[in-house]
N, C-alpha and C. Protein backbone atom coordinates (compact mmCIF):
# COMPACT_ATOMS: atom_id res chain seq x y z
N UNK A 1 91.40 96.59 133.19
CA UNK A 1 91.94 97.03 131.93
C UNK A 1 91.73 95.93 130.89
N UNK A 2 91.32 96.32 129.68
CA UNK A 2 91.08 95.32 128.63
C UNK A 2 92.41 94.81 128.09
N UNK A 3 92.33 93.69 127.39
CA UNK A 3 93.50 93.02 126.82
C UNK A 3 93.22 92.73 125.36
N UNK A 4 94.23 92.86 124.50
CA UNK A 4 94.05 92.66 123.06
C UNK A 4 95.06 91.65 122.56
N UNK A 5 94.58 90.65 121.80
CA UNK A 5 95.42 89.74 121.04
C UNK A 5 95.39 90.23 119.60
N UNK A 6 96.54 90.43 118.98
CA UNK A 6 96.59 90.89 117.59
C UNK A 6 97.32 89.91 116.70
N UNK A 7 96.91 89.85 115.45
CA UNK A 7 97.48 88.91 114.49
C UNK A 7 97.63 89.58 113.13
N UNK A 8 98.71 89.31 112.43
CA UNK A 8 98.89 89.74 111.04
C UNK A 8 99.22 88.49 110.25
N UNK A 9 98.44 88.24 109.19
CA UNK A 9 98.65 87.04 108.38
C UNK A 9 98.52 87.37 106.90
N UNK A 10 99.05 86.49 106.06
CA UNK A 10 98.88 86.60 104.61
C UNK A 10 97.84 85.57 104.19
N UNK A 11 96.89 86.02 103.35
CA UNK A 11 95.83 85.14 102.88
C UNK A 11 95.77 85.26 101.35
N UNK A 12 95.75 84.14 100.63
CA UNK A 12 95.61 84.23 99.18
C UNK A 12 94.34 85.00 98.80
N UNK A 13 94.48 85.95 97.91
CA UNK A 13 93.35 86.77 97.48
C UNK A 13 92.21 85.90 96.96
N UNK A 14 92.56 84.81 96.27
CA UNK A 14 91.54 83.91 95.73
C UNK A 14 90.73 83.22 96.83
N UNK A 15 91.25 83.19 98.05
CA UNK A 15 90.56 82.52 99.17
C UNK A 15 89.87 83.50 100.12
N UNK A 16 89.62 84.71 99.68
CA UNK A 16 89.04 85.71 100.58
C UNK A 16 87.72 85.23 101.18
N UNK A 17 86.82 84.73 100.36
CA UNK A 17 85.52 84.29 100.87
C UNK A 17 85.67 83.14 101.85
N UNK A 18 86.56 82.20 101.57
CA UNK A 18 86.80 81.10 102.51
C UNK A 18 87.33 81.64 103.84
N UNK A 19 88.22 82.63 103.78
CA UNK A 19 88.74 83.23 105.00
C UNK A 19 87.62 83.89 105.79
N UNK A 20 86.76 84.63 105.12
CA UNK A 20 85.66 85.31 105.81
C UNK A 20 84.75 84.29 106.49
N UNK A 21 84.42 83.22 105.81
CA UNK A 21 83.56 82.19 106.39
C UNK A 21 84.24 81.54 107.60
N UNK A 22 85.51 81.24 107.48
CA UNK A 22 86.26 80.63 108.59
C UNK A 22 86.34 81.60 109.78
N UNK A 23 86.60 82.86 109.49
CA UNK A 23 86.70 83.86 110.55
C UNK A 23 85.37 84.00 111.30
N UNK A 24 84.26 83.95 110.59
CA UNK A 24 82.96 84.06 111.26
C UNK A 24 82.75 82.92 112.26
N UNK A 25 83.17 81.73 111.89
CA UNK A 25 83.07 80.60 112.81
C UNK A 25 83.93 80.83 114.04
N UNK A 26 85.17 81.27 113.82
CA UNK A 26 86.08 81.54 114.92
C UNK A 26 85.60 82.68 115.80
N UNK A 27 85.05 83.71 115.19
CA UNK A 27 84.55 84.86 115.96
C UNK A 27 83.54 84.42 117.00
N UNK A 28 82.64 83.56 116.62
CA UNK A 28 81.60 83.09 117.54
C UNK A 28 82.22 82.34 118.72
N UNK A 29 83.25 81.56 118.45
CA UNK A 29 83.93 80.82 119.52
C UNK A 29 84.58 81.79 120.50
N UNK A 30 85.29 82.80 119.98
CA UNK A 30 85.94 83.78 120.85
C UNK A 30 84.93 84.55 121.69
N UNK A 31 83.81 84.92 121.09
CA UNK A 31 82.76 85.64 121.83
C UNK A 31 82.21 84.74 122.94
N UNK A 32 81.98 83.46 122.62
CA UNK A 32 81.50 82.52 123.64
C UNK A 32 82.50 82.36 124.79
N UNK A 33 83.79 82.54 124.49
CA UNK A 33 84.83 82.42 125.51
C UNK A 33 85.05 83.72 126.28
N UNK A 34 84.29 84.76 125.95
CA UNK A 34 84.35 86.00 126.72
C UNK A 34 84.92 87.21 126.01
N UNK A 35 85.31 87.08 124.75
CA UNK A 35 85.82 88.24 124.01
C UNK A 35 84.72 89.29 123.89
N UNK A 36 85.10 90.55 123.94
CA UNK A 36 84.12 91.62 123.80
C UNK A 36 84.01 92.11 122.37
N UNK A 37 85.06 91.86 121.57
CA UNK A 37 85.02 92.26 120.16
C UNK A 37 86.06 91.49 119.39
N UNK A 38 85.73 91.14 118.14
CA UNK A 38 86.66 90.45 117.24
C UNK A 38 86.61 91.17 115.90
N UNK A 39 87.79 91.51 115.37
CA UNK A 39 87.85 92.24 114.10
C UNK A 39 88.84 91.57 113.15
N UNK A 40 88.47 91.48 111.89
CA UNK A 40 89.37 91.05 110.82
C UNK A 40 89.37 92.16 109.78
N UNK A 41 90.53 92.65 109.44
CA UNK A 41 90.64 93.77 108.51
C UNK A 41 91.45 93.34 107.29
N UNK A 42 90.80 93.29 106.15
CA UNK A 42 91.42 92.89 104.89
C UNK A 42 92.07 94.13 104.28
N UNK A 43 93.36 94.07 104.06
CA UNK A 43 94.09 95.23 103.56
C UNK A 43 93.63 95.63 102.16
N UNK A 44 93.54 96.94 101.95
CA UNK A 44 93.25 97.42 100.61
C UNK A 44 94.33 98.39 100.13
N UNK A 45 95.19 98.85 101.03
CA UNK A 45 96.28 99.75 100.65
C UNK A 45 97.43 99.58 101.65
N UNK A 46 98.26 98.56 101.43
CA UNK A 46 99.39 98.30 102.32
C UNK A 46 100.67 98.46 101.49
N UNK A 47 101.25 99.65 101.54
CA UNK A 47 102.46 99.88 100.75
C UNK A 47 103.66 99.14 101.31
N UNK A 48 104.63 98.90 100.43
CA UNK A 48 105.87 98.29 100.88
C UNK A 48 106.73 99.37 101.52
N UNK A 49 107.30 99.04 102.66
CA UNK A 49 108.16 99.98 103.37
C UNK A 49 109.59 99.92 102.87
N UNK A 50 110.42 100.81 103.41
CA UNK A 50 111.82 100.83 103.02
C UNK A 50 112.64 99.82 103.81
N UNK A 51 112.27 99.61 105.08
CA UNK A 51 113.01 98.69 105.93
C UNK A 51 112.17 97.47 106.28
N UNK A 52 110.95 97.72 106.70
CA UNK A 52 110.02 96.63 107.02
C UNK A 52 108.59 97.12 106.83
N UNK A 53 107.67 96.20 106.75
CA UNK A 53 106.26 96.53 106.57
C UNK A 53 105.44 95.27 106.85
N UNK A 54 104.11 95.40 106.81
CA UNK A 54 103.25 94.25 107.08
C UNK A 54 103.45 93.14 106.05
N UNK A 55 103.63 93.49 104.78
CA UNK A 55 103.80 92.46 103.74
C UNK A 55 105.05 91.62 104.01
N UNK A 56 106.13 92.27 104.36
CA UNK A 56 107.36 91.54 104.67
C UNK A 56 107.23 90.75 105.97
N UNK A 57 106.53 91.32 106.93
CA UNK A 57 106.38 90.66 108.22
C UNK A 57 105.75 89.28 108.09
N UNK A 58 104.84 89.13 107.11
CA UNK A 58 104.15 87.85 106.93
C UNK A 58 104.60 87.13 105.65
N UNK A 59 105.62 87.68 105.00
CA UNK A 59 106.16 87.11 103.76
C UNK A 59 105.06 86.90 102.73
N UNK A 60 104.20 87.91 102.57
CA UNK A 60 103.08 87.82 101.62
C UNK A 60 103.59 87.76 100.19
N UNK A 61 103.02 86.85 99.43
CA UNK A 61 103.34 86.74 98.01
C UNK A 61 102.53 87.73 97.20
N UNK A 62 102.82 87.80 95.92
CA UNK A 62 102.12 88.74 95.03
C UNK A 62 100.62 88.46 94.95
N UNK A 63 100.23 87.21 95.17
CA UNK A 63 98.81 86.83 95.09
C UNK A 63 98.14 86.78 96.46
N UNK A 64 98.78 87.38 97.47
CA UNK A 64 98.24 87.34 98.83
C UNK A 64 97.95 88.75 99.36
N UNK A 65 96.95 88.83 100.21
CA UNK A 65 96.61 90.08 100.89
C UNK A 65 97.01 89.95 102.35
N UNK A 66 97.27 91.08 102.97
CA UNK A 66 97.59 91.11 104.40
C UNK A 66 96.29 91.30 105.17
N UNK A 67 96.11 90.49 106.21
CA UNK A 67 94.94 90.61 107.07
C UNK A 67 95.43 90.91 108.48
N UNK A 68 94.88 91.95 109.07
CA UNK A 68 95.20 92.32 110.45
C UNK A 68 93.95 92.06 111.27
N UNK A 69 94.09 91.23 112.29
CA UNK A 69 92.96 90.84 113.13
C UNK A 69 93.28 91.10 114.59
N UNK A 70 92.25 91.36 115.37
CA UNK A 70 92.46 91.47 116.80
C UNK A 70 91.23 91.02 117.55
N UNK A 71 91.48 90.57 118.78
CA UNK A 71 90.42 90.12 119.68
C UNK A 71 90.57 90.92 120.97
N UNK A 72 89.49 91.56 121.37
CA UNK A 72 89.49 92.31 122.63
C UNK A 72 88.86 91.46 123.72
N UNK A 73 89.53 91.45 124.87
CA UNK A 73 89.06 90.70 126.04
C UNK A 73 88.86 91.68 127.20
N UNK A 74 88.00 91.36 128.14
CA UNK A 74 87.80 92.24 129.30
C UNK A 74 89.09 92.44 130.10
N UNK A 75 89.93 91.38 130.16
CA UNK A 75 91.22 91.45 130.86
C UNK A 75 92.08 90.29 130.39
N UNK A 76 93.33 90.24 130.81
CA UNK A 76 94.23 89.19 130.34
C UNK A 76 93.83 87.82 130.85
N UNK A 77 93.29 87.75 132.05
CA UNK A 77 92.89 86.45 132.61
C UNK A 77 91.81 85.82 131.77
């Protein structure tokens, strides 16, 4: 059974390109370590919830975007 590590972070919108470049470097490392897939998803429509939401979960500021990333592995080991 495959295993997934997931991450939600806030990234300043002004640093999007820096984040993409950094993520590409990290992706290669994870693939070399055996990951089968690495994804970074830059939010384009993340509404605020009534009780909780991704923006609150990462305490994103007005100038920050929410990024949801995950790494798929063949198994947990």
